[in-house]
Amino acid sequence: MVVHGGWAEAVEAARAVRAWCEEHGVRCADIDVWAEGRRRSAQEEVDAAGDPDLIVTLGGDGTFLRGARLAAEHDALVLGVDLGRVGFLTEVSAATVRSALDAVREGRFGIDSRMLLTLRASCRLRVPASMEALMQYGRGPLLPSPQVIPDCQVDDEWGIPLKVVALNDVVLEKLSRDRQVSVGVYVSGRLLASYSADALLVATPTGSTAYSFAAGGPVVSPRADALVFTPVAPHMAFNRSVVTAPDEPVGLRVLEGSGQAAVSIDGQVRGVLNPGDWIGVYAAPHRLRAVRLGPMDFYGRLRERMRLTDAPAAVADETPAPLWSVTTPPPGDLAHLTLLTVPGEQPATG
């Protein structure tokens, strides 16, 4: 289990999980982020938990991201219990966690396969000691520096393969408040543009509703495979996101006239780049396997989280759109389409 210890609801839900495990003879362990005053790597956390088959996260999306990092490290399943406010990633409520565990134990579940990002870099990623001391204030130690993947080709053109995964995004951002970062952006090895911006990020479809969305990027279905490049507050006329194919890597090179830039992976600062350094972000060869207990209503969740039906236009003529317009499977000529249906429910009429 990965538990948000600061939330009483998460602590209580964790007790329910432990009780269920004891009743069914299932070994259960808490994955603790701290160890002897330092932050452990994902592999160390998984090893300490005893080679888990399922990782259950109890918290919000931030807690789920941490559990996803561990699950991806070991190819374990991950089940998110929703205790947050704007969750797009978690699957079940705390009230239904026992029935969810029953379903997993009995094999009554599907697998939601999500794209992950990884990266190569021109140099090892490290956070300077002075910066780490500042960032630790009130938060505890940072994650350790990313390890180099062994038995992979390393050269000047392709760089150093780093053992990192991102479910949401990889971000290159300025360190100085009064100075933007200047970055050359490359897609599939060809220069796209040079930007001066507060940050530049590469997101997965899962991460399209996180930082990229806040910066004006598109909402992308998590069932899609794509990379979303989004500049944050760029000083140029072209400020649009660019959506690339999953086999088209995005390169970010800090230009010579720029200041230093921080590299963040799913919101965690993992290193600092100097002018001339670069990172290449690409789809990881493996994917996250999340437990799915029912149809994924991503757009319904988007509607609720963003309060889209509360918009003035939604009720301007006092006849809001019905929430469900399809109750039966698609006809034969549309059988290749994926539609959410509600068996036995009549279409809403207003």
Protein backbone atom coordinates (compact mmCIF):
# COMPACT_ATOMS: atom_id res chain seq x y z
CA MET A 1 0.00 0.00 0.00
CA VAL A 2 0.99 3.59 -0.64
CA VAL A 3 -0.90 5.69 1.90
CA HIS A 4 -1.24 9.47 2.19
CA GLY A 5 -0.52 9.53 5.92
CA GLY A 6 -1.68 13.13 6.30
CA TRP A 7 -5.31 12.28 5.52
CA ALA A 8 -7.41 10.60 8.20
CA GLU A 9 -9.62 9.07 5.48
CA ALA A 10 -6.59 7.43 3.87
CA VAL A 11 -5.37 6.02 7.17
CA GLU A 12 -8.84 4.60 7.89
CA ALA A 13 -9.08 3.07 4.39
CA ALA A 14 -5.65 1.50 4.90
CA ARG A 15 -6.99 -0.26 8.01
CA ALA A 16 -9.78 -1.72 5.88
CA VAL A 17 -7.25 -3.00 3.34
CA ARG A 18 -5.12 -4.59 6.05
CA ALA A 19 -8.19 -6.27 7.57
CA TRP A 20 -9.20 -7.65 4.16
CA CYS A 21 -5.69 -9.00 3.59
CA GLU A 22 -5.65 -10.69 6.98
CA GLU A 23 -9.03 -12.31 6.32
CA HIS A 24 -7.89 -13.71 2.97
CA GLY A 25 -4.33 -14.67 3.87
CA VAL A 26 -2.80 -12.08 1.57
CA ARG A 27 0.56 -10.61 2.53
CA CYS A 28 0.38 -6.82 2.84
CA ALA A 29 3.10 -4.22 3.43
CA ASP A 30 3.25 -0.43 3.60
CA ILE A 31 5.65 1.22 1.17
CA ASP A 32 7.40 3.98 3.06
CA VAL A 33 9.02 6.78 1.08
CA TRP A 34 11.58 7.53 3.79
CA ALA A 35 14.44 5.35 4.99
CA GLU A 36 16.99 6.47 7.58
CA GLY A 37 16.57 10.13 6.71
CA ARG A 38 16.92 9.72 2.96
CA ARG A 39 14.60 9.20 0.02
CA ARG A 40 14.62 5.72 -1.45
CA SER A 41 14.60 4.85 -5.14
CA ALA A 42 11.61 3.08 -6.67
CA GLN A 43 13.50 -0.22 -6.81
CA GLU A 44 14.47 0.05 -3.15
CA GLU A 45 10.85 0.76 -2.18
CA VAL A 46 9.55 -2.21 -4.17
CA ASP A 47 12.22 -4.52 -2.74
CA ALA A 48 11.35 -3.38 0.79
CA ALA A 49 7.69 -4.18 0.12
CA GLY A 50 8.57 -7.76 -0.80
CA ASP A 51 8.03 -8.05 -4.55
CA PRO A 52 4.33 -6.97 -4.71
CA ASP A 53 1.81 -8.18 -7.31
CA LEU A 54 -0.62 -5.32 -6.61
CA ILE A 55 0.02 -1.81 -5.36
CA VAL A 56 -2.96 -0.05 -3.76
CA THR A 57 -2.75 3.73 -3.44
CA LEU A 58 -4.88 5.57 -0.89
CA GLY A 59 -4.96 9.31 -1.48
CA GLY A 60 -5.32 11.60 -4.48
CA ASP A 61 -3.66 11.70 -7.87
CA GLY A 62 -0.30 12.58 -6.30
CA THR A 63 -0.36 9.41 -4.23
CA PHE A 64 -1.38 7.45 -7.32
CA LEU A 65 1.57 8.87 -9.27
CA ARG A 66 3.95 7.63 -6.60
CA GLY A 67 2.34 4.19 -6.66
CA ALA A 68 2.45 4.17 -10.46
CA ARG A 69 6.20 4.83 -10.38
CA LEU A 70 6.65 1.79 -8.16
CA ALA A 71 4.29 -0.40 -10.19
CA ALA A 72 6.07 0.51 -13.42
CA GLU A 73 9.41 -0.37 -11.84
CA HIS A 74 8.22 -3.91 -11.14
CA ASP A 75 5.43 -4.42 -13.72
CA ALA A 76 2.90 -4.76 -10.89
CA LEU A 77 -0.78 -3.88 -11.10
CA VAL A 78 -1.89 -0.64 -9.45
CA LEU A 79 -5.31 0.15 -7.95
CA GLY A 80 -6.10 3.74 -7.02
CA VAL A 81 -8.50 4.49 -4.15
CA ASP A 82 -9.89 8.00 -4.59
CA LEU A 83 -9.63 10.33 -1.61
CA GLY A 84 -8.70 13.50 -3.48
CA ARG A 85 -10.64 16.40 -4.96
CA VAL A 86 -9.77 16.51 -8.68
CA GLY A 87 -8.81 12.90 -9.30
CA PHE A 88 -8.52 11.68 -12.89
CA LEU A 89 -6.37 8.64 -12.11
CA THR A 90 -7.94 6.84 -9.16
CA GLU A 91 -10.50 4.08 -9.76
CA VAL A 92 -12.61 3.31 -6.66
CA SER A 93 -13.91 5.08 -3.58
CA ALA A 94 -12.80 4.25 -0.04
CA ALA A 95 -16.27 2.85 0.68
CA THR A 96 -15.91 0.20 -2.05
CA VAL A 97 -12.28 -0.80 -1.49
CA ARG A 98 -13.15 -4.20 0.01
CA SER A 99 -15.39 -5.16 -2.91
CA ALA A 100 -12.70 -3.91 -5.30
CA LEU A 101 -10.13 -6.18 -3.67
CA ASP A 102 -12.60 -9.07 -3.93
CA ALA A 103 -12.93 -8.41 -7.66
CA VAL A 104 -9.16 -8.36 -8.15
CA ARG A 105 -8.69 -11.57 -6.16
CA GLU A 106 -11.40 -13.30 -8.22
CA GLY A 107 -10.10 -12.00 -11.56
CA ARG A 108 -13.16 -9.84 -12.24
CA PHE A 109 -11.29 -6.85 -13.61
CA GLY A 110 -9.77 -5.38 -16.73
CA ILE A 111 -6.41 -3.74 -17.28
CA ASP A 112 -6.11 -0.11 -18.28
CA SER A 113 -2.81 0.16 -20.19
CA ARG A 114 -1.31 3.64 -19.96
CA MET A 115 1.62 5.12 -21.89
CA LEU A 116 4.70 6.06 -19.88
CA LEU A 117 7.53 8.42 -20.74
CA THR A 118 11.23 7.95 -20.19
CA LEU A 119 14.26 9.92 -21.29
CA ARG A 120 17.89 10.10 -22.26
CA ALA A 121 20.11 13.06 -21.48
CA SER A 122 23.46 14.50 -22.51
CA CYS A 123 24.62 14.14 -18.88
CA ARG A 124 23.65 12.55 -15.58
CA LEU A 125 20.80 14.38 -13.84
CA ARG A 126 21.74 15.77 -10.45
CA VAL A 127 20.30 18.45 -8.15
CA PRO A 128 22.98 20.81 -6.73
CA ALA A 129 23.35 20.50 -2.96
CA SER A 130 22.48 24.16 -2.40
CA MET A 131 19.25 23.81 -4.36
CA GLU A 132 18.33 20.55 -2.67
CA ALA A 133 18.70 22.13 0.76
CA LEU A 134 16.32 24.92 -0.28
CA MET A 135 13.73 22.55 -1.76
CA GLN A 136 13.80 20.22 1.24
CA TYR A 137 12.33 22.93 3.46
CA GLY A 138 9.20 21.42 4.99
CA ARG A 139 9.15 18.49 2.53
CA GLY A 140 11.93 16.10 3.44
CA PRO A 141 14.62 14.68 1.13
CA LEU A 142 14.23 14.71 -2.65
CA LEU A 143 14.21 11.58 -4.75
CA PRO A 144 17.71 10.26 -5.47
CA SER A 145 19.36 11.08 -8.78
CA PRO A 146 18.17 8.84 -11.64
CA GLN A 147 20.30 5.79 -12.28
CA VAL A 148 21.77 4.93 -15.66
CA ILE A 149 20.15 1.94 -17.37
CA PRO A 150 22.83 -0.74 -17.74
CA ASP A 151 23.56 -2.58 -21.00
CA CYS A 152 22.28 0.28 -23.20
CA GLN A 153 24.23 2.09 -25.88
CA VAL A 154 25.67 5.42 -24.73
CA ASP A 155 27.14 7.94 -27.17
CA ASP A 156 27.24 11.69 -27.82
CA GLU A 157 24.26 11.69 -30.20
CA TRP A 158 21.85 9.44 -28.27
CA GLY A 159 23.01 10.37 -24.78
CA ILE A 160 22.74 8.54 -21.46
CA PRO A 161 19.70 6.26 -20.87
CA LEU A 162 18.21 7.11 -17.47
CA LYS A 163 16.08 4.85 -15.31
CA VAL A 164 13.04 7.08 -14.93
CA VAL A 165 9.36 6.81 -15.86
CA ALA A 166 6.70 9.50 -16.04
CA LEU A 167 2.97 8.83 -16.16
CA ASN A 168 2.05 12.53 -16.49
CA ASP A 169 4.88 14.64 -17.86
CA VAL A 170 8.51 15.63 -18.14
CA VAL A 171 9.07 19.38 -17.65
CA LEU A 172 12.01 21.66 -18.35
CA GLU A 173 11.50 24.87 -16.36
CA LYS A 174 13.30 28.07 -15.47
CA LEU A 175 15.12 28.42 -12.17
CA SER A 176 15.21 32.20 -11.95
CA ARG A 177 11.97 34.14 -11.57
CA ASP A 178 13.18 37.05 -13.68
CA ARG A 179 14.73 35.01 -16.50
CA GLN A 180 13.01 32.61 -18.85
CA VAL A 181 14.65 29.46 -20.11
CA SER A 182 15.68 29.39 -23.79
CA VAL A 183 15.24 25.99 -25.40
CA GLY A 184 15.53 24.47 -28.85
CA VAL A 185 12.74 21.94 -29.42
CA TYR A 186 13.27 19.00 -31.76
CA VAL A 187 10.71 16.47 -33.00
CA SER A 188 12.00 13.22 -34.50
CA GLY A 189 15.49 14.70 -34.60
CA ARG A 190 14.55 17.83 -36.58
CA LEU A 191 14.39 21.35 -35.17
CA LEU A 192 10.84 22.58 -34.67
CA ALA A 193 11.43 25.97 -33.02
CA SER A 194 13.38 27.85 -30.36
CA TYR A 195 11.42 29.06 -27.36
CA SER A 196 11.91 31.48 -24.49
CA ALA A 197 9.37 30.42 -21.89
CA ASP A 198 8.72 29.78 -18.23
CA ALA A 199 8.71 26.05 -18.95
CA LEU A 200 8.36 23.50 -21.72
CA LEU A 201 6.70 20.18 -21.05
CA VAL A 202 6.08 16.86 -22.73
CA ALA A 203 2.99 15.04 -21.47
CA THR A 204 1.32 11.71 -22.01
CA PRO A 205 -2.41 11.54 -22.79
CA THR A 206 -2.86 10.76 -19.08
CA GLY A 207 -0.95 13.93 -18.20
CA SER A 208 -2.86 16.08 -20.68
CA THR A 209 -5.32 17.01 -17.91
CA ALA A 210 -2.53 18.01 -15.49
CA TYR A 211 0.13 20.72 -16.00
CA SER A 212 -0.32 20.74 -19.78
CA PHE A 213 -4.04 21.49 -19.38
CA ALA A 214 -3.30 24.33 -16.96
CA ALA A 215 -0.93 25.79 -19.55
CA GLY A 216 -3.61 25.73 -22.25
CA GLY A 217 -2.86 22.34 -23.77
CA PRO A 218 -5.45 19.99 -25.26
CA VAL A 219 -7.42 17.31 -23.44
CA VAL A 220 -6.39 13.95 -24.93
CA SER A 221 -8.16 10.66 -24.33
CA PRO A 222 -6.06 8.39 -22.10
CA ARG A 223 -6.80 5.61 -24.61
CA ALA A 224 -4.78 7.47 -27.24
CA ASP A 225 -1.05 7.02 -27.82
CA ALA A 226 0.68 10.36 -28.34
CA LEU A 227 3.12 12.84 -26.87
CA VAL A 228 1.86 16.35 -26.13
CA PHE A 229 4.42 19.18 -26.22
CA THR A 230 3.20 22.40 -24.55
CA PRO A 231 5.12 25.65 -23.94
CA VAL A 232 4.30 27.57 -20.76
CA ALA A 233 4.11 31.38 -21.13
CA PRO A 234 6.32 31.53 -24.25
CA HIS A 235 7.58 34.87 -25.59
CA MET A 236 6.62 34.16 -29.20
CA ALA A 237 3.52 34.27 -31.38
CA PHE A 238 3.40 30.48 -31.80
CA ASN A 239 2.16 29.31 -28.42
CA ARG A 240 0.22 26.20 -29.41
CA SER A 241 0.69 22.64 -28.22
CA VAL A 242 2.04 20.07 -30.66
CA VAL A 243 0.78 16.49 -30.55
CA THR A 244 3.24 13.92 -31.91
CA ALA A 245 2.99 10.22 -32.69
CA PRO A 246 4.22 7.82 -29.99
CA ASP A 247 7.32 6.92 -31.99
CA GLU A 248 8.32 10.58 -32.52
CA PRO A 249 10.64 11.64 -29.66
CA VAL A 250 10.79 15.23 -28.43
CA GLY A 251 14.20 16.75 -27.71
CA LEU A 252 14.76 19.81 -25.49
CA ARG A 253 18.16 21.53 -25.67
CA VAL A 254 19.04 24.40 -23.32
CA LEU A 255 20.49 27.14 -25.55
CA GLU A 256 23.81 28.82 -24.85
CA GLY A 257 22.22 32.16 -23.95
CA SER A 258 19.85 30.60 -21.43
CA GLY A 259 20.06 30.28 -17.69
CA GLN A 260 19.96 26.94 -15.94
CA ALA A 261 16.85 24.78 -16.20
CA ALA A 262 15.34 22.24 -13.82
CA VAL A 263 14.08 18.85 -15.02
CA SER A 264 10.91 17.68 -13.27
CA ILE A 265 9.37 14.25 -13.72
CA ASP A 266 5.74 13.95 -12.61
CA GLY A 267 6.22 17.04 -10.44
CA GLN A 268 9.45 15.86 -8.80
CA VAL A 269 12.64 17.82 -9.52
CA ARG A 270 15.28 15.29 -10.58
CA GLY A 271 18.10 17.40 -12.01
CA VAL A 272 19.44 20.69 -13.31
CA LEU A 273 20.70 21.34 -16.84
CA ASN A 274 23.23 23.95 -17.90
CA PRO A 275 23.36 25.75 -21.27
CA GLY A 276 24.30 23.22 -23.95
CA ASP A 277 22.74 20.26 -22.10
CA TRP A 278 19.74 18.42 -23.51
CA ILE A 279 17.16 15.73 -22.81
CA GLY A 280 15.27 13.48 -25.22
CA VAL A 281 11.76 12.44 -24.11
CA TYR A 282 10.12 9.41 -25.67
CA ALA A 283 7.51 6.71 -25.06
CA ALA A 284 8.80 4.04 -22.69
CA PRO A 285 8.99 0.48 -24.02
CA HIS A 286 6.72 -0.72 -21.18
CA ARG A 287 3.37 0.58 -19.94
CA LEU A 288 1.54 1.05 -16.67
CA ARG A 289 -1.06 -1.63 -15.86
CA ALA A 290 -3.88 -0.13 -13.82
CA VAL A 291 -6.83 -2.13 -12.48
CA ARG A 292 -10.09 -1.24 -14.23
CA LEU A 293 -13.30 -2.54 -12.60
CA GLY A 294 -15.79 -1.07 -15.06
CA PRO A 295 -16.02 1.02 -18.24
CA MET A 296 -13.70 4.02 -18.16
CA ASP A 297 -15.94 7.09 -18.28
CA PHE A 298 -13.12 9.58 -18.83
CA TYR A 299 -15.38 12.22 -20.37
CA GLY A 300 -17.94 11.91 -17.59
CA ARG A 301 -15.15 12.42 -15.09
CA LEU A 302 -13.92 15.41 -17.09
CA ARG A 303 -17.44 16.85 -17.10
CA GLU A 304 -17.77 16.46 -13.34
CA ARG A 305 -14.29 17.58 -12.33
CA MET A 306 -14.41 20.68 -14.53
CA ARG A 307 -18.09 21.40 -13.77
CA LEU A 308 -18.87 21.63 -17.46
CA THR A 309 -22.63 21.30 -17.00
CA ASP A 310 -22.56 24.36 -14.72
CA ALA A 311 -21.34 26.60 -17.55
CA PRO A 312 -23.82 29.37 -18.49
CA ALA A 313 -24.31 27.99 -22.00
CA ALA A 314 -25.33 24.61 -20.59
CA VAL A 315 -28.54 25.97 -19.10
CA ALA A 316 -29.12 29.07 -21.25
CA ASP A 317 -32.35 27.73 -22.75
CA GLU A 318 -33.34 25.78 -19.61
CA THR A 319 -33.07 22.45 -21.49
CA PRO A 320 -29.70 20.98 -20.55
CA ALA A 321 -28.36 18.14 -22.66
CA PRO A 322 -29.13 14.60 -21.45
CA LEU A 323 -26.21 12.90 -19.75
CA TRP A 324 -26.73 9.62 -21.65
CA SER A 325 -27.90 9.51 -25.24
CA VAL A 326 -26.97 5.86 -25.98
CA THR A 327 -28.38 2.86 -24.11
CA THR A 328 -27.79 -0.01 -26.58
CA PRO A 329 -24.70 -1.42 -28.30
CA PRO A 330 -23.81 0.09 -31.70
CA PRO A 331 -25.27 -1.52 -34.85
CA GLY A 332 -23.16 -3.83 -36.98
CA ASP A 333 -21.68 -1.19 -39.26
CA LEU A 334 -20.52 0.74 -36.17
CA ALA A 335 -19.33 -2.25 -34.17
CA HIS A 336 -15.74 -1.01 -34.35
CA LEU A 337 -16.64 2.05 -32.25
CA THR A 338 -16.28 2.31 -28.47
CA LEU A 339 -19.33 3.80 -26.78
CA LEU A 340 -20.33 3.88 -23.13
CA THR A 341 -23.82 2.42 -22.74
CA VAL A 342 -26.16 2.12 -19.78
CA PRO A 343 -28.17 -1.12 -20.23
CA GLY A 344 -31.84 -0.75 -19.39
CA GLU A 345 -31.71 3.02 -18.93
CA GLN A 346 -33.96 5.18 -21.06
CA PRO A 347 -32.44 8.24 -22.76
CA ALA A 348 -32.88 11.39 -20.74
CA THR A 349 -35.41 13.87 -22.10
CA GLY A 350 -34.33 16.98 -20.26
